[in-house]
Protein backbone atom coordinates (compact mmCIF):
# COMPACT_ATOMS: atom_id res chain seq x y z
CA MET A 1 0.00 0.00 0.00
CA LYS A 2 1.38 3.37 -1.01
CA MET A 3 1.34 6.16 1.62
CA ARG A 4 0.41 9.66 0.52
CA PRO A 5 1.61 12.68 2.44
CA THR A 6 -1.18 14.48 4.21
CA LEU A 7 -1.38 18.23 3.94
CA ILE A 8 -2.88 20.08 6.88
CA LEU A 9 -4.08 23.61 6.30
CA LEU A 10 -4.79 26.13 9.01
CA ALA A 11 -7.62 28.59 8.59
CA LEU A 12 -6.05 32.02 8.90
CA PRO A 13 -7.67 35.34 8.17
CA ALA A 14 -6.71 36.69 4.79
CA PRO A 15 -4.52 39.79 4.77
CA GLY A 16 -6.77 42.78 5.11
CA GLY A 17 -9.61 40.54 6.27
CA ALA A 18 -11.98 41.44 9.06
CA MET A 19 -10.64 40.90 12.54
CA ALA A 20 -12.10 41.93 15.86
CA ALA A 21 -10.32 45.17 16.68
CA GLN A 22 -9.67 46.24 20.24
CA LEU A 23 -8.85 49.60 21.72
CA TRP A 24 -6.49 49.57 24.66
CA CYS A 25 -6.86 52.88 26.46
CA MET A 26 -4.29 53.98 29.03
CA PRO A 27 -5.18 56.99 31.17
CA ASP A 28 -2.56 59.59 31.95
CA THR A 29 -4.90 61.61 34.22
CA ILE A 30 -7.79 60.59 36.46
CA CYS A 31 -10.17 63.14 38.02
CA ARG A 32 -12.90 62.59 40.59
CA THR A 33 -15.96 64.65 41.48
CA GLY A 34 -14.82 67.91 43.03
CA GLY A 35 -11.82 68.33 40.74
CA ALA A 36 -9.27 66.15 42.54
CA CYS A 37 -7.05 65.00 39.64
CA HIS A 38 -3.86 62.97 39.60
CA ALA A 39 -1.49 61.63 36.98
CA THR A 40 -1.25 57.88 36.52
CA THR A 41 0.91 55.33 34.72
CA ASP A 42 -0.70 52.34 36.44
CA THR A 43 -1.82 49.79 33.83
CA GLU A 44 -4.50 48.61 36.28
CA THR A 45 -6.39 51.81 35.41
CA SER A 46 -6.47 50.97 31.70
CA VAL A 47 -9.62 49.92 29.87
CA ARG A 48 -10.01 47.67 26.84
CA LEU A 49 -12.81 48.03 24.30
CA ASN A 50 -13.37 44.64 22.65
CA ASP A 51 -14.94 44.27 19.20
CA LYS A 52 -15.09 48.03 18.72
CA ASP A 53 -16.58 47.79 15.22
CA SER A 54 -19.18 45.16 16.02
CA ALA A 55 -22.83 45.51 16.99
CA THR A 56 -21.97 44.15 20.45
CA PRO A 57 -18.79 45.82 21.76
CA SER A 58 -17.83 45.41 25.40
CA LEU A 59 -15.60 47.34 27.74
CA ARG A 60 -13.24 45.42 30.01
CA THR A 61 -12.79 47.52 33.13
CA HIS A 62 -12.50 46.85 36.86
CA ALA A 63 -12.47 43.05 36.24
CA GLU A 64 -15.88 43.30 34.54
CA ASP A 65 -17.14 43.25 30.95
CA VAL A 66 -19.67 46.02 30.33
CA ALA A 67 -21.88 45.70 27.24
CA LEU A 68 -21.84 48.93 25.24
CA THR A 69 -23.86 50.62 22.53
CA ARG A 70 -22.33 53.03 20.04
CA THR A 71 -24.03 56.38 20.62
CA HIS A 72 -21.99 58.63 18.31
CA ASN A 73 -19.97 58.04 15.16
CA GLY A 74 -18.11 60.98 13.64
CA ALA A 75 -14.82 62.76 14.33
CA SER A 76 -15.26 61.20 17.78
CA VAL A 77 -16.75 57.78 18.40
CA GLN A 78 -18.68 57.21 21.62
CA TRP A 79 -19.99 54.12 23.36
CA GLN A 80 -22.16 53.90 26.47
CA GLY A 81 -23.27 51.14 28.82
CA VAL A 82 -24.24 50.33 32.40
CA SER A 83 -22.05 48.28 34.74
CA ALA A 84 -23.33 45.48 36.99
CA ASP A 85 -23.56 47.92 39.91
CA GLY A 86 -25.64 50.39 37.87
CA ALA A 87 -22.93 52.95 37.00
CA ASP A 88 -23.15 54.69 33.63
CA GLU A 89 -19.93 54.12 31.68
CA ILE A 90 -19.05 56.21 28.64
CA LEU A 91 -16.00 55.95 26.41
CA ALA A 92 -15.37 58.65 23.78
CA TRP A 93 -12.42 58.20 21.40
CA ARG A 94 -11.02 60.49 18.72
CA PRO A 95 -9.36 58.32 16.03
CA ALA A 96 -7.46 61.27 14.52
CA ASP A 97 -5.13 61.57 17.52
CA GLY A 98 -6.02 58.51 19.64
CA SER A 99 -7.21 60.58 22.60
CA PHE A 100 -10.02 59.35 24.82
CA VAL A 101 -12.26 60.35 27.71
CA TYR A 102 -13.71 57.62 29.92
CA LEU A 103 -16.47 58.54 32.37
CA ILE A 104 -18.02 56.56 35.19
CA ARG A 105 -21.12 58.19 36.71
CA SER A 106 -22.75 56.70 39.77
CA GLN A 107 -24.85 58.12 42.62
CA GLY A 108 -24.00 61.73 41.84
CA ARG A 109 -20.27 61.08 41.58
CA GLU A 110 -18.11 61.06 38.49
CA VAL A 111 -14.68 59.67 37.65
CA ARG A 112 -13.08 60.98 34.45
CA ALA A 113 -9.99 59.42 32.88
CA THR A 114 -8.18 60.89 29.88
CA GLY A 115 -5.26 59.64 27.82
CA ARG A 116 -4.53 57.76 24.61
CA CYS A 117 -5.80 54.53 23.02
CA ASP A 118 -3.95 52.10 20.79
CA ILE A 119 -5.70 49.84 18.28
CA GLN A 120 -4.69 46.22 18.82
């Protein structure tokens, strides 16, 4: 019996094909209600927007995935959702320069983080 070599092919996305894009956003400044702001380089304060171009993006923040809805699409792109504890979470990103603003609003308090995002 003659043996034939077996060819195994892996399914890889074609160059330029659709892939789930993520935004990794690293704050350089965090401000709390009342204007108390501080600089940060702590990667634990970063947020990651998964599947940014899909109909069901989610924000990975504070060890939680928050389902988002795109609420604005122009020079700035904005997504909004509600965390498990009922906080409003908003991420606004300006693709032209990579800058972002991330807001958490809960019980009359607000945390605002600003910095830059990288597409990954």
